[in-house]
Every structure is written in C-alpha cells, then in structure tokens.
Amino acid sequence: AYGEYFFGKTPAPENMLVVNLDYGLGVGIFINGKPVYGTSGYAGELGHIPLFNNEKICFCGKKGCMETEASGLALIEYLTGKMKEGSSSRLSSVFARKGFLELEDIVQAVNHGDNLAIEGIAEIGYKLGKGLAVAINLFNPSAIILGGVLSMIGDPFLLPVRTSILQHSLSLVNTDTIVTVSKIHEKAGLLGCCLLVRDKVLELI
C-alpha cells in the first residue's frame, strides 16, 4: 500500500484504500495522506470481516471470513471444484500436469479468453466488491486501488467489482470513489518496503 501510494502512476488522493488481492486479502488505508496502522499494526484486515454465512474455516480459525470467498485461494478452490464437476477449461491440463493451480496460471487463462477462468474472476470480483462496499461506507475514500497478482487481469476483474460496489454501497458515497487497478502491480511491495525503511530510519513516520 505504501509503495502504491507514493509510486503509483496517478497522483494519490489523501484518502485512499489499497487492496492487495493475492492468495489472501488485505487493505492498506491512507487517511489525510497518512497510513493507518491501528493499535497493534493490523488495521486493514478486510479479509477477516465475517461477511459470508458459510462453513469454510479461514486461516485465522474463524468461519465466514471474506477471505474464504473473495481471495486468490478462494478463486483456486472455485475453479478446481468446477473442473472436478466436469467444466472444461485450459486450466485442466495445467492442473493435471502440476497437481495444483497458481494465480499466474489463472491470469494467463483469462488473457486467453478461457470461459471458466473468466467466470471465476467474475464470481470473486463480485464478492470482493461486496466487502469493499463496507469499506466505502466506513471510510468514504476518494480512490480504491486494486493491486496484487489478480489486478494484472484488468477490466474482466474490475467490472464485477465495480458492479457489486454500486449494488451494496450508499450511492451518496460511492459516486465520490474512483475504483481502478494498480499500474505498478507486483512492484508496489518492494518499493513500499524500501520507502518504509527509509522513512522509519529518518523518523519521518
């Protein structure tokens, strides 16, 4: 989030959320241009909001966490389940060869127009948007940047997220929030770490 805020290709507004959608799900929060850490340093754990009524056990040990339905791992679980039920996909050969799927495999499949991969992205994106609607209602940010590996998919991922946000958040609030994908993708993490170390050493934060 720190890297995205300071090195993103567009000027960052003072109030911004940065979503890291990888195998897990986390959010970086900037209010008045300052990162929000929380008392214990764990502010932004959107992935562990109990948003869904399911019996899936999250890594945190709880049930129904957003991460169980809207994360890279949830996407892999969805796609492998569909393939076992008989859905055809170019990912079937990848799964047969490796015995597992990686997010990069799914990104490549979407880019090749694989129907099942696109279906999975739409499913996860919609559920992510539902959780982001909660964040929009709470923080009223100027922008939400979607980062992580899945952000490289672009519009097929962004569109269901935006649709869900419109359905689940206050229209008075969401009209002021721009939702877009990262332009620096996986580079944001390393850039942010370097800048955080510098700012900590120089006591800038």
N, C-alpha and C. Protein backbone atom coordinates (compact mmCIF):
# COMPACT_ATOMS: atom_id res chain seq x y z
N ALA A 1 0.84 -1.21 0.00
CA ALA A 1 0.00 0.00 0.00
C ALA A 1 0.87 1.26 0.00
N TYR A 2 1.95 1.22 0.78
CA TYR A 2 2.85 2.36 0.85
C TYR A 2 3.49 2.62 -0.52
N GLY A 3 3.91 1.55 -1.17
CA GLY A 3 4.50 1.67 -2.49
C GLY A 3 3.51 2.18 -3.51
N GLU A 4 2.30 1.70 -3.44
CA GLU A 4 1.25 2.13 -4.37
C GLU A 4 0.92 3.59 -4.17
N TYR A 5 0.87 4.01 -2.91
CA TYR A 5 0.50 5.39 -2.60
C TYR A 5 1.53 6.39 -3.15
N PHE A 6 2.82 6.05 -2.99
CA PHE A 6 3.86 7.01 -3.35
C PHE A 6 4.44 6.81 -4.75
N PHE A 7 4.28 5.60 -5.32
CA PHE A 7 4.88 5.34 -6.62
C PHE A 7 3.87 4.98 -7.70
N GLY A 8 2.58 5.00 -7.37
CA GLY A 8 1.55 4.75 -8.38
C GLY A 8 1.63 5.78 -9.48
N LYS A 9 1.13 5.40 -10.65
CA LYS A 9 1.28 6.28 -11.81
C LYS A 9 0.35 7.49 -11.81
N THR A 10 -0.62 7.49 -10.90
CA THR A 10 -1.52 8.64 -10.80
C THR A 10 -1.35 9.30 -9.44
N PRO A 11 -1.54 10.61 -9.34
CA PRO A 11 -1.41 11.28 -8.04
C PRO A 11 -2.37 10.68 -7.01
N ALA A 12 -1.85 10.35 -5.85
CA ALA A 12 -2.66 9.69 -4.82
C ALA A 12 -3.45 10.74 -4.03
N PRO A 13 -4.75 10.51 -3.84
CA PRO A 13 -5.55 11.42 -3.01
C PRO A 13 -5.22 11.19 -1.54
N GLU A 14 -5.62 12.11 -0.69
CA GLU A 14 -5.32 11.98 0.74
C GLU A 14 -6.02 10.79 1.38
N ASN A 15 -7.23 10.49 0.91
CA ASN A 15 -7.99 9.38 1.47
C ASN A 15 -8.11 8.27 0.43
N MET A 16 -7.39 7.17 0.67
CA MET A 16 -7.29 6.12 -0.33
C MET A 16 -7.16 4.76 0.33
N LEU A 17 -7.74 3.74 -0.31
CA LEU A 17 -7.58 2.36 0.13
C LEU A 17 -6.83 1.60 -0.95
N VAL A 18 -5.88 0.78 -0.54
CA VAL A 18 -5.13 -0.05 -1.48
C VAL A 18 -5.40 -1.51 -1.12
N VAL A 19 -6.00 -2.22 -2.06
CA VAL A 19 -6.37 -3.63 -1.83
C VAL A 19 -5.29 -4.52 -2.42
N ASN A 20 -4.78 -5.43 -1.61
CA ASN A 20 -3.82 -6.42 -2.10
C ASN A 20 -4.55 -7.76 -2.21
N LEU A 21 -4.93 -8.10 -3.44
CA LEU A 21 -5.64 -9.36 -3.67
C LEU A 21 -4.67 -10.35 -4.29
N ASP A 22 -4.13 -11.19 -3.43
CA ASP A 22 -3.20 -12.21 -3.84
C ASP A 22 -3.84 -13.53 -3.43
N TYR A 23 -3.07 -14.43 -2.82
CA TYR A 23 -3.69 -15.65 -2.30
C TYR A 23 -4.57 -15.31 -1.10
N GLY A 24 -4.20 -14.27 -0.37
CA GLY A 24 -5.02 -13.75 0.72
C GLY A 24 -5.59 -12.41 0.33
N LEU A 25 -6.05 -11.65 1.33
CA LEU A 25 -6.70 -10.37 1.06
C LEU A 25 -6.39 -9.40 2.19
N GLY A 26 -5.83 -8.25 1.84
CA GLY A 26 -5.55 -7.22 2.84
C GLY A 26 -5.77 -5.84 2.25
N VAL A 27 -5.91 -4.85 3.12
CA VAL A 27 -6.15 -3.48 2.67
C VAL A 27 -5.24 -2.51 3.41
N GLY A 28 -4.61 -1.63 2.67
CA GLY A 28 -3.85 -0.53 3.25
C GLY A 28 -4.71 0.71 3.24
N ILE A 29 -4.71 1.44 4.34
CA ILE A 29 -5.60 2.60 4.49
C ILE A 29 -4.77 3.87 4.63
N PHE A 30 -5.10 4.88 3.84
CA PHE A 30 -4.49 6.20 3.98
C PHE A 30 -5.59 7.22 4.27
N ILE A 31 -5.44 7.90 5.39
CA ILE A 31 -6.37 8.96 5.78
C ILE A 31 -5.57 10.25 5.95
N ASN A 32 -6.03 11.31 5.28
CA ASN A 32 -5.31 12.59 5.31
C ASN A 32 -3.84 12.42 4.93
N GLY A 33 -3.58 11.52 3.98
CA GLY A 33 -2.23 11.31 3.48
C GLY A 33 -1.32 10.50 4.38
N LYS A 34 -1.86 9.95 5.48
CA LYS A 34 -1.06 9.17 6.42
C LYS A 34 -1.56 7.73 6.48
N PRO A 35 -0.63 6.77 6.54
CA PRO A 35 -1.06 5.37 6.66
C PRO A 35 -1.67 5.10 8.03
N VAL A 36 -2.72 4.31 8.05
CA VAL A 36 -3.38 3.93 9.30
C VAL A 36 -2.87 2.55 9.69
N TYR A 37 -2.20 2.47 10.87
CA TYR A 37 -1.62 1.20 11.32
C TYR A 37 -2.54 0.47 12.30
N GLY A 38 -3.27 1.19 13.10
CA GLY A 38 -4.04 0.57 14.17
C GLY A 38 -3.18 0.35 15.40
N THR A 39 -3.79 0.06 16.52
CA THR A 39 -3.08 -0.10 17.79
C THR A 39 -2.02 -1.19 17.73
N SER A 40 -2.35 -2.30 17.09
CA SER A 40 -1.43 -3.45 17.02
C SER A 40 -0.75 -3.58 15.66
N GLY A 41 -1.00 -2.64 14.77
CA GLY A 41 -0.40 -2.70 13.44
C GLY A 41 -1.18 -3.54 12.45
N TYR A 42 -2.41 -3.89 12.78
CA TYR A 42 -3.19 -4.78 11.92
C TYR A 42 -4.42 -4.10 11.30
N ALA A 43 -4.42 -2.80 11.21
CA ALA A 43 -5.54 -2.12 10.55
C ALA A 43 -5.61 -2.57 9.09
N GLY A 44 -6.82 -2.73 8.59
CA GLY A 44 -6.98 -3.09 7.18
C GLY A 44 -7.20 -4.57 6.92
N GLU A 45 -7.49 -5.34 7.97
CA GLU A 45 -7.71 -6.77 7.77
C GLU A 45 -9.14 -7.02 7.26
N LEU A 46 -9.41 -6.49 6.10
CA LEU A 46 -10.73 -6.64 5.49
C LEU A 46 -11.06 -8.12 5.23
N GLY A 47 -10.02 -8.89 4.96
CA GLY A 47 -10.22 -10.30 4.65
C GLY A 47 -10.82 -11.10 5.79
N HIS A 48 -10.77 -10.56 7.01
CA HIS A 48 -11.28 -11.31 8.16
C HIS A 48 -12.56 -10.72 8.73
N ILE A 49 -13.24 -9.90 7.93
CA ILE A 49 -14.60 -9.49 8.29
C ILE A 49 -15.53 -10.67 8.02
N PRO A 50 -16.34 -11.09 8.98
CA PRO A 50 -17.23 -12.25 8.78
C PRO A 50 -18.42 -11.89 7.90
N LEU A 51 -18.18 -11.82 6.61
CA LEU A 51 -19.17 -11.29 5.67
C LEU A 51 -20.09 -12.38 5.10
N PHE A 52 -19.62 -13.62 5.10
CA PHE A 52 -20.35 -14.69 4.44
C PHE A 52 -20.81 -15.76 5.43
N ASN A 53 -22.00 -16.25 5.19
CA ASN A 53 -22.57 -17.29 6.04
C ASN A 53 -22.22 -18.66 5.44
N ASN A 54 -21.01 -19.11 5.69
CA ASN A 54 -20.58 -20.41 5.17
C ASN A 54 -19.86 -21.20 6.27
N GLU A 55 -19.49 -22.42 5.94
CA GLU A 55 -18.82 -23.29 6.91
C GLU A 55 -17.33 -23.44 6.60
N LYS A 56 -16.81 -22.51 5.79
CA LYS A 56 -15.40 -22.57 5.42
C LYS A 56 -14.54 -22.00 6.55
N ILE A 57 -13.55 -22.76 6.96
CA ILE A 57 -12.66 -22.31 8.03
C ILE A 57 -11.54 -21.47 7.42
N CYS A 58 -11.41 -20.26 7.89
CA CYS A 58 -10.35 -19.36 7.44
C CYS A 58 -9.03 -19.71 8.14
N PHE A 59 -7.93 -19.20 7.62
CA PHE A 59 -6.64 -19.42 8.27
C PHE A 59 -6.59 -18.85 9.68
N CYS A 60 -7.45 -17.87 9.95
CA CYS A 60 -7.49 -17.27 11.29
C CYS A 60 -8.26 -18.16 12.27
N GLY A 61 -8.90 -19.21 11.76
CA GLY A 61 -9.64 -20.12 12.61
C GLY A 61 -11.12 -19.83 12.70
N LYS A 62 -11.57 -18.73 12.11
CA LYS A 62 -12.98 -18.35 12.14
C LYS A 62 -13.69 -18.86 10.89
N LYS A 63 -15.01 -18.80 10.91
CA LYS A 63 -15.82 -19.19 9.76
C LYS A 63 -16.40 -17.94 9.08
N GLY A 64 -16.57 -18.03 7.78
CA GLY A 64 -17.28 -17.00 7.04
C GLY A 64 -16.49 -15.74 6.74
N CYS A 65 -15.18 -15.75 6.98
CA CYS A 65 -14.37 -14.56 6.68
C CYS A 65 -14.46 -14.23 5.19
N MET A 66 -14.35 -12.97 4.87
CA MET A 66 -14.38 -12.53 3.48
C MET A 66 -13.33 -13.26 2.65
N GLU A 67 -12.19 -13.54 3.25
CA GLU A 67 -11.10 -14.19 2.55
C GLU A 67 -11.47 -15.60 2.07
N THR A 68 -12.45 -16.23 2.71
CA THR A 68 -12.85 -17.58 2.30
C THR A 68 -13.65 -17.57 1.00
N GLU A 69 -14.14 -16.40 0.59
CA GLU A 69 -14.94 -16.29 -0.63
C GLU A 69 -14.37 -15.31 -1.65
N ALA A 70 -13.50 -14.41 -1.21
CA ALA A 70 -13.00 -13.35 -2.10
C ALA A 70 -11.49 -13.20 -1.95
N SER A 71 -10.75 -14.18 -2.45
CA SER A 71 -9.29 -14.15 -2.40
C SER A 71 -8.75 -15.06 -3.49
N GLY A 72 -7.45 -15.03 -3.68
CA GLY A 72 -6.85 -15.91 -4.67
C GLY A 72 -7.06 -17.38 -4.34
N LEU A 73 -6.95 -17.73 -3.07
CA LEU A 73 -7.18 -19.12 -2.67
C LEU A 73 -8.63 -19.53 -2.91
N ALA A 74 -9.56 -18.63 -2.64
CA ALA A 74 -10.98 -18.92 -2.90
C ALA A 74 -11.22 -19.11 -4.39
N LEU A 75 -10.54 -18.33 -5.21
CA LEU A 75 -10.67 -18.46 -6.66
C LEU A 75 -10.16 -19.82 -7.13
N ILE A 76 -9.01 -20.23 -6.63
CA ILE A 76 -8.45 -21.54 -6.99
C ILE A 76 -9.39 -22.66 -6.56
N GLU A 77 -9.93 -22.53 -5.36
CA GLU A 77 -10.88 -23.54 -4.86
C GLU A 77 -12.12 -23.61 -5.76
N TYR A 78 -12.61 -22.45 -6.17
CA TYR A 78 -13.79 -22.39 -7.04
C TYR A 78 -13.52 -23.08 -8.38
N LEU A 79 -12.38 -22.75 -8.99
CA LEU A 79 -12.07 -23.29 -10.31
C LEU A 79 -11.79 -24.79 -10.27
N THR A 80 -11.05 -25.24 -9.28
CA THR A 80 -10.76 -26.68 -9.19
C THR A 80 -12.04 -27.46 -8.92
N GLY A 81 -12.93 -26.89 -8.11
CA GLY A 81 -14.21 -27.54 -7.85
C GLY A 81 -15.04 -27.67 -9.12
N LYS A 82 -15.08 -26.61 -9.93
CA LYS A 82 -15.84 -26.64 -11.17
C LYS A 82 -15.26 -27.65 -12.16
N MET A 83 -13.92 -27.74 -12.21
CA MET A 83 -13.30 -28.69 -13.13
C MET A 83 -13.58 -30.13 -12.70
N LYS A 84 -13.59 -30.37 -11.40
CA LYS A 84 -13.91 -31.71 -10.91
C LYS A 84 -15.36 -32.08 -11.20
N GLU A 85 -16.22 -31.06 -11.32
CA GLU A 85 -17.62 -31.31 -11.66
C GLU A 85 -17.82 -31.52 -13.16
N GLY A 86 -16.76 -31.28 -13.94
CA GLY A 86 -16.85 -31.54 -15.38
C GLY A 86 -16.71 -30.33 -16.27
N SER A 87 -16.55 -29.13 -15.71
CA SER A 87 -16.39 -27.94 -16.54
C SER A 87 -15.07 -28.00 -17.30
N SER A 88 -15.12 -27.65 -18.57
CA SER A 88 -13.91 -27.68 -19.39
C SER A 88 -13.17 -26.35 -19.28
N SER A 89 -11.85 -26.44 -19.32
CA SER A 89 -11.00 -25.25 -19.20
C SER A 89 -9.59 -25.60 -19.62
N ARG A 90 -8.87 -24.62 -20.15
CA ARG A 90 -7.47 -24.82 -20.46
C ARG A 90 -6.67 -25.05 -19.18
N LEU A 91 -7.25 -24.68 -18.04
CA LEU A 91 -6.58 -24.90 -16.75
C LEU A 91 -6.55 -26.38 -16.36
N SER A 92 -7.40 -27.19 -17.00
CA SER A 92 -7.44 -28.63 -16.68
C SER A 92 -6.09 -29.28 -16.96
N SER A 93 -5.47 -28.92 -18.08
CA SER A 93 -4.17 -29.51 -18.43
C SER A 93 -3.08 -29.01 -17.49
N VAL A 94 -3.19 -27.77 -17.06
CA VAL A 94 -2.22 -27.21 -16.10
C VAL A 94 -2.34 -27.94 -14.77
N PHE A 95 -3.58 -28.15 -14.33
CA PHE A 95 -3.82 -28.85 -13.06
C PHE A 95 -3.36 -30.30 -13.14
N ALA A 96 -3.59 -30.95 -14.27
CA ALA A 96 -3.17 -32.34 -14.45
C ALA A 96 -1.65 -32.46 -14.44
N ARG A 97 -0.98 -31.47 -15.02
CA ARG A 97 0.49 -31.51 -15.11
C ARG A 97 1.16 -31.20 -13.77
N LYS A 98 0.65 -30.18 -13.06
CA LYS A 98 1.31 -29.72 -11.83
C LYS A 98 0.68 -30.27 -10.56
N GLY A 99 -0.61 -30.60 -10.64
CA GLY A 99 -1.32 -31.07 -9.46
C GLY A 99 -1.92 -29.93 -8.63
N PHE A 100 -1.74 -28.70 -9.08
CA PHE A 100 -2.28 -27.52 -8.39
C PHE A 100 -2.31 -26.35 -9.37
N LEU A 101 -3.01 -25.30 -9.00
CA LEU A 101 -3.07 -24.08 -9.80
C LEU A 101 -2.40 -22.93 -9.07
N GLU A 102 -1.78 -22.05 -9.82
CA GLU A 102 -1.24 -20.81 -9.27
C GLU A 102 -2.00 -19.64 -9.89
N LEU A 103 -1.96 -18.50 -9.22
CA LEU A 103 -2.70 -17.34 -9.71
C LEU A 103 -2.22 -16.90 -11.09
N GLU A 104 -0.93 -17.04 -11.34
CA GLU A 104 -0.40 -16.68 -12.65
C GLU A 104 -1.01 -17.54 -13.76
N ASP A 105 -1.31 -18.81 -13.44
CA ASP A 105 -1.97 -19.69 -14.43
C ASP A 105 -3.35 -19.14 -14.77
N ILE A 106 -4.06 -18.65 -13.76
CA ILE A 106 -5.41 -18.14 -13.96
C ILE A 106 -5.38 -16.84 -14.76
N VAL A 107 -4.42 -15.97 -14.44
CA VAL A 107 -4.27 -14.72 -15.19
C VAL A 107 -4.05 -15.02 -16.67
N GLN A 108 -3.18 -15.98 -16.94
CA GLN A 108 -2.89 -16.36 -18.32
C GLN A 108 -4.13 -16.93 -19.00
N ALA A 109 -4.89 -17.75 -18.28
CA ALA A 109 -6.09 -18.34 -18.85
C ALA A 109 -7.12 -17.27 -19.19
N VAL A 110 -7.30 -16.29 -18.32
CA VAL A 110 -8.23 -15.19 -18.59
C VAL A 110 -7.79 -14.42 -19.83
N ASN A 111 -6.50 -14.16 -19.92
CA ASN A 111 -5.97 -13.42 -21.07
C ASN A 111 -6.16 -14.18 -22.38
N HIS A 112 -6.30 -15.50 -22.29
CA HIS A 112 -6.55 -16.33 -23.47
C HIS A 112 -8.05 -16.57 -23.69
N GLY A 113 -8.89 -15.90 -22.90
CA GLY A 113 -10.32 -15.99 -23.10
C GLY A 113 -10.97 -17.24 -22.56
N ASP A 114 -10.33 -17.90 -21.59
CA ASP A 114 -10.89 -19.12 -21.02
C ASP A 114 -12.18 -18.80 -20.25
N ASN A 115 -13.28 -19.45 -20.65
CA ASN A 115 -14.59 -19.12 -20.08
C ASN A 115 -14.68 -19.39 -18.58
N LEU A 116 -14.16 -20.53 -18.15
CA LEU A 116 -14.24 -20.87 -16.74
C LEU A 116 -13.41 -19.91 -15.89
N ALA A 117 -12.22 -19.56 -16.36
CA ALA A 117 -11.37 -18.62 -15.62
C ALA A 117 -12.06 -17.26 -15.51
N ILE A 118 -12.69 -16.81 -16.59
CA ILE A 118 -13.40 -15.53 -16.58
C ILE A 118 -14.59 -15.60 -15.63
N GLU A 119 -15.29 -16.73 -15.64
CA GLU A 119 -16.41 -16.94 -14.72
C GLU A 119 -15.95 -16.87 -13.26
N GLY A 120 -14.81 -17.49 -12.97
CA GLY A 120 -14.28 -17.46 -11.61
C GLY A 120 -13.89 -16.07 -11.18
N ILE A 121 -13.27 -15.32 -12.08
CA ILE A 121 -12.87 -13.95 -11.78
C ILE A 121 -14.10 -13.08 -11.50
N ALA A 122 -15.16 -13.28 -12.29
CA ALA A 122 -16.39 -12.51 -12.08
C ALA A 122 -17.00 -12.84 -10.72
N GLU A 123 -16.97 -14.11 -10.33
CA GLU A 123 -17.52 -14.55 -9.05
C GLU A 123 -16.76 -13.93 -7.88
N ILE A 124 -15.44 -14.02 -7.93
CA ILE A 124 -14.60 -13.48 -6.86
C ILE A 124 -14.67 -11.96 -6.83
N GLY A 125 -14.67 -11.34 -8.02
CA GLY A 125 -14.73 -9.89 -8.10
C GLY A 125 -16.01 -9.33 -7.49
N TYR A 126 -17.13 -10.01 -7.76
CA TYR A 126 -18.41 -9.56 -7.20
C TYR A 126 -18.40 -9.63 -5.68
N LYS A 127 -17.87 -10.72 -5.13
CA LYS A 127 -17.82 -10.88 -3.68
C LYS A 127 -16.85 -9.89 -3.05
N LEU A 128 -15.75 -9.62 -3.74
CA LEU A 128 -14.81 -8.60 -3.25
C LEU A 128 -15.50 -7.24 -3.20
N GLY A 129 -16.26 -6.91 -4.24
CA GLY A 129 -16.97 -5.63 -4.28
C GLY A 129 -17.93 -5.47 -3.12
N LYS A 130 -18.55 -6.57 -2.70
CA LYS A 130 -19.47 -6.51 -1.57
C LYS A 130 -18.74 -6.09 -0.30
N GLY A 131 -17.55 -6.64 -0.10
CA GLY A 131 -16.75 -6.24 1.06
C GLY A 131 -16.22 -4.82 0.95
N LEU A 132 -15.83 -4.44 -0.26
CA LEU A 132 -15.34 -3.08 -0.45
C LEU A 132 -16.44 -2.04 -0.26
N ALA A 133 -17.68 -2.45 -0.50
CA ALA A 133 -18.80 -1.55 -0.23
C ALA A 133 -18.85 -1.19 1.24
N VAL A 134 -18.55 -2.15 2.10
CA VAL A 134 -18.49 -1.89 3.55
C VAL A 134 -17.40 -0.85 3.83
N ALA A 135 -16.22 -1.05 3.20
CA ALA A 135 -15.11 -0.13 3.42
C ALA A 135 -15.43 1.26 2.90
N ILE A 136 -16.13 1.36 1.78
CA ILE A 136 -16.51 2.66 1.23
C ILE A 136 -17.47 3.38 2.18
N ASN A 137 -18.43 2.64 2.71
CA ASN A 137 -19.38 3.25 3.64
C ASN A 137 -18.70 3.72 4.93
N LEU A 138 -17.64 3.03 5.32
CA LEU A 138 -16.92 3.39 6.55
C LEU A 138 -15.97 4.55 6.35
N PHE A 139 -15.20 4.53 5.26
CA PHE A 139 -14.10 5.48 5.10
C PHE A 139 -14.36 6.58 4.07
N ASN A 140 -15.34 6.39 3.18
CA ASN A 140 -15.63 7.38 2.16
C ASN A 140 -14.35 7.84 1.43
N PRO A 141 -13.57 6.88 0.88
CA PRO A 141 -12.30 7.25 0.25
C PRO A 141 -12.49 7.88 -1.12
N SER A 142 -11.50 8.62 -1.56
CA SER A 142 -11.53 9.20 -2.90
C SER A 142 -11.21 8.15 -3.95
N ALA A 143 -10.39 7.16 -3.55
CA ALA A 143 -9.98 6.14 -4.52
C ALA A 143 -9.74 4.80 -3.84
N ILE A 144 -9.98 3.74 -4.58
CA ILE A 144 -9.60 2.39 -4.18
C ILE A 144 -8.75 1.82 -5.30
N ILE A 145 -7.54 1.40 -4.96
CA ILE A 145 -6.63 0.82 -5.94
C ILE A 145 -6.58 -0.69 -5.70
N LEU A 146 -6.86 -1.46 -6.73
CA LEU A 146 -6.81 -2.91 -6.63
C LEU A 146 -5.44 -3.39 -7.10
N GLY A 147 -4.68 -3.99 -6.19
CA GLY A 147 -3.35 -4.48 -6.51
C GLY A 147 -3.25 -5.98 -6.32
N GLY A 148 -2.03 -6.50 -6.35
CA GLY A 148 -1.82 -7.93 -6.25
C GLY A 148 -1.80 -8.59 -7.63
N VAL A 149 -1.53 -9.87 -7.66
CA VAL A 149 -1.39 -10.60 -8.92
C VAL A 149 -2.63 -10.48 -9.78
N LEU A 150 -3.81 -10.61 -9.17
CA LEU A 150 -5.04 -10.62 -9.95
C LEU A 150 -5.37 -9.26 -10.59
N SER A 151 -4.75 -8.20 -10.10
CA SER A 151 -5.00 -6.89 -10.70
C SER A 151 -4.49 -6.81 -12.13
N MET A 152 -3.55 -7.70 -12.49
CA MET A 152 -3.00 -7.70 -13.84
C MET A 152 -4.03 -8.12 -14.88
N ILE A 153 -5.16 -8.68 -14.44
CA ILE A 153 -6.22 -9.08 -15.36
C ILE A 153 -6.92 -7.87 -15.95
N GLY A 154 -7.01 -6.80 -15.17
CA GLY A 154 -7.62 -5.57 -15.67
C GLY A 154 -9.13 -5.58 -15.67
N ASP A 155 -9.74 -5.18 -16.78
CA ASP A 155 -11.20 -4.98 -16.83
C ASP A 155 -12.04 -6.20 -16.47
N PRO A 156 -11.71 -7.41 -16.92
CA PRO A 156 -12.54 -8.56 -16.54
C PRO A 156 -12.66 -8.74 -15.03
N PHE A 157 -11.68 -8.26 -14.30
CA PHE A 157 -11.70 -8.30 -12.83
C PHE A 157 -12.35 -7.04 -12.26
N LEU A 158 -12.05 -5.91 -12.86
CA LEU A 158 -12.52 -4.63 -12.35
C LEU A 158 -14.03 -4.45 -12.50
N LEU A 159 -14.59 -4.90 -13.60
CA LEU A 159 -16.01 -4.66 -13.88
C LEU A 159 -16.94 -5.31 -12.85
N PRO A 160 -16.78 -6.58 -12.50
CA PRO A 160 -17.67 -7.15 -11.47
C PRO A 160 -17.47 -6.52 -10.10
N VAL A 161 -16.26 -6.06 -9.81
CA VAL A 161 -16.02 -5.37 -8.54
C VAL A 161 -16.83 -4.08 -8.50
N ARG A 162 -16.76 -3.30 -9.57
CA ARG A 162 -17.49 -2.03 -9.62
C ARG A 162 -19.00 -2.26 -9.55
N THR A 163 -19.49 -3.27 -10.26
CA THR A 163 -20.92 -3.58 -10.25
C THR A 163 -21.40 -3.89 -8.84
N SER A 164 -20.65 -4.71 -8.13
CA SER A 164 -21.02 -5.09 -6.78
C SER A 164 -20.98 -3.90 -5.82
N ILE A 165 -19.99 -3.05 -5.98
CA ILE A 165 -19.89 -1.85 -5.14
C ILE A 165 -21.12 -0.97 -5.33
N LEU A 166 -21.55 -0.80 -6.58
CA LEU A 166 -22.73 0.01 -6.85
C LEU A 166 -23.98 -0.58 -6.20
N GLN A 167 -24.06 -1.89 -6.16
CA GLN A 167 -25.22 -2.56 -5.58
C GLN A 167 -25.25 -2.53 -4.07
N HIS A 168 -24.08 -2.52 -3.44
CA HIS A 168 -24.02 -2.74 -1.99
C HIS A 168 -23.58 -1.53 -1.16
N SER A 169 -23.19 -0.44 -1.79
CA SER A 169 -22.77 0.73 -1.01
C SER A 169 -23.72 1.89 -1.24
N LEU A 170 -23.66 2.87 -0.36
CA LEU A 170 -24.51 4.05 -0.48
C LEU A 170 -24.15 4.84 -1.72
N SER A 171 -25.16 5.16 -2.54
CA SER A 171 -24.89 5.91 -3.76
C SER A 171 -24.36 7.30 -3.47
N LEU A 172 -24.74 7.87 -2.34
CA LEU A 172 -24.23 9.18 -1.95
C LEU A 172 -22.74 9.16 -1.69
N VAL A 173 -22.23 7.96 -1.37
CA VAL A 173 -20.81 7.82 -1.03
C VAL A 173 -20.02 7.29 -2.21
N ASN A 174 -20.50 6.23 -2.87
CA ASN A 174 -19.68 5.57 -3.89
C ASN A 174 -19.45 6.42 -5.13
N THR A 175 -20.29 7.43 -5.36
CA THR A 175 -20.07 8.29 -6.53
C THR A 175 -18.80 9.12 -6.40
N ASP A 176 -18.29 9.27 -5.20
CA ASP A 176 -17.07 10.04 -4.97
C ASP A 176 -15.83 9.16 -4.95
N THR A 177 -16.00 7.85 -5.15
CA THR A 177 -14.87 6.92 -5.06
C THR A 177 -14.51 6.36 -6.43
N ILE A 178 -13.28 6.58 -6.85
CA ILE A 178 -12.76 6.00 -8.09
C ILE A 178 -12.18 4.63 -7.76
N VAL A 179 -12.59 3.62 -8.49
CA VAL A 179 -12.07 2.26 -8.29
C VAL A 179 -11.30 1.87 -9.54
N THR A 180 -10.03 1.55 -9.38
CA THR A 180 -9.20 1.22 -10.53
C THR A 180 -8.15 0.19 -10.14
N VAL A 181 -7.47 -0.35 -11.13
CA VAL A 181 -6.43 -1.35 -10.86
C VAL A 181 -5.06 -0.66 -10.82
N SER A 182 -4.14 -1.30 -10.13
CA SER A 182 -2.78 -0.79 -10.00
C SER A 182 -2.10 -0.72 -11.36
N LYS A 183 -1.21 0.23 -11.50
CA LYS A 183 -0.40 0.33 -12.72
C LYS A 183 1.02 -0.17 -12.48
N ILE A 184 1.37 -0.46 -11.22
CA ILE A 184 2.72 -0.96 -10.94
C ILE A 184 2.70 -2.39 -10.39
N HIS A 185 1.51 -2.91 -10.11
CA HIS A 185 1.30 -4.33 -9.77
C HIS A 185 2.28 -4.83 -8.70
N GLU A 186 3.04 -5.89 -9.05
CA GLU A 186 3.88 -6.55 -8.04
C GLU A 186 5.06 -5.71 -7.59
N LYS A 187 5.37 -4.64 -8.31
CA LYS A 187 6.49 -3.78 -7.92
C LYS A 187 6.17 -2.97 -6.66
N ALA A 188 4.90 -2.78 -6.38
CA ALA A 188 4.49 -1.91 -5.27
C ALA A 188 5.05 -2.38 -3.93
N GLY A 189 5.07 -3.70 -3.71
CA GLY A 189 5.52 -4.23 -2.42
C GLY A 189 6.97 -3.89 -2.11
N LEU A 190 7.86 -4.15 -3.06
CA LEU A 190 9.28 -3.89 -2.86
C LEU A 190 9.55 -2.39 -2.72
N LEU A 191 8.91 -1.59 -3.56
CA LEU A 191 9.09 -0.14 -3.49
C LEU A 191 8.60 0.40 -2.14
N GLY A 192 7.47 -0.10 -1.68
CA GLY A 192 6.93 0.35 -0.41
C GLY A 192 7.80 -0.05 0.76
N CYS A 193 8.35 -1.26 0.74
CA CYS A 193 9.24 -1.72 1.83
C CYS A 193 10.47 -0.83 1.93
N CYS A 194 11.08 -0.53 0.79
CA CYS A 194 12.28 0.31 0.78
C CYS A 194 11.97 1.70 1.34
N LEU A 195 10.85 2.25 0.92
CA LEU A 195 10.49 3.60 1.36
C LEU A 195 10.14 3.61 2.85
N LEU A 196 9.47 2.57 3.33
CA LEU A 196 9.14 2.47 4.76
C LEU A 196 10.40 2.43 5.62
N VAL A 197 11.38 1.65 5.19
CA VAL A 197 12.64 1.57 5.93
C VAL A 197 13.31 2.93 5.99
N ARG A 198 13.37 3.61 4.84
CA ARG A 198 13.98 4.94 4.81
C ARG A 198 13.26 5.90 5.74
N ASP A 199 11.92 5.91 5.67
CA ASP A 199 11.14 6.86 6.48
C ASP A 199 11.23 6.54 7.96
N LYS A 200 11.32 5.25 8.29
CA LYS A 200 11.48 4.87 9.71
C LYS A 200 12.85 5.32 10.24
N VAL A 201 13.89 5.06 9.45
CA VAL A 201 15.25 5.44 9.85
C VAL A 201 15.37 6.95 10.04
N LEU A 202 14.76 7.69 9.13
CA LEU A 202 14.82 9.15 9.18
C LEU A 202 13.76 9.76 10.09
N GLU A 203 12.96 8.86 10.74
CA GLU A 203 11.91 9.28 11.66
C GLU A 203 10.91 10.23 11.00
N LEU A 204 10.58 9.91 9.74
CA LEU A 204 9.59 10.70 9.02
C LEU A 204 8.18 10.21 9.33
N ILE A 205 8.09 9.00 9.85
CA ILE A 205 6.78 8.45 10.22
C ILE A 205 6.87 7.85 11.63
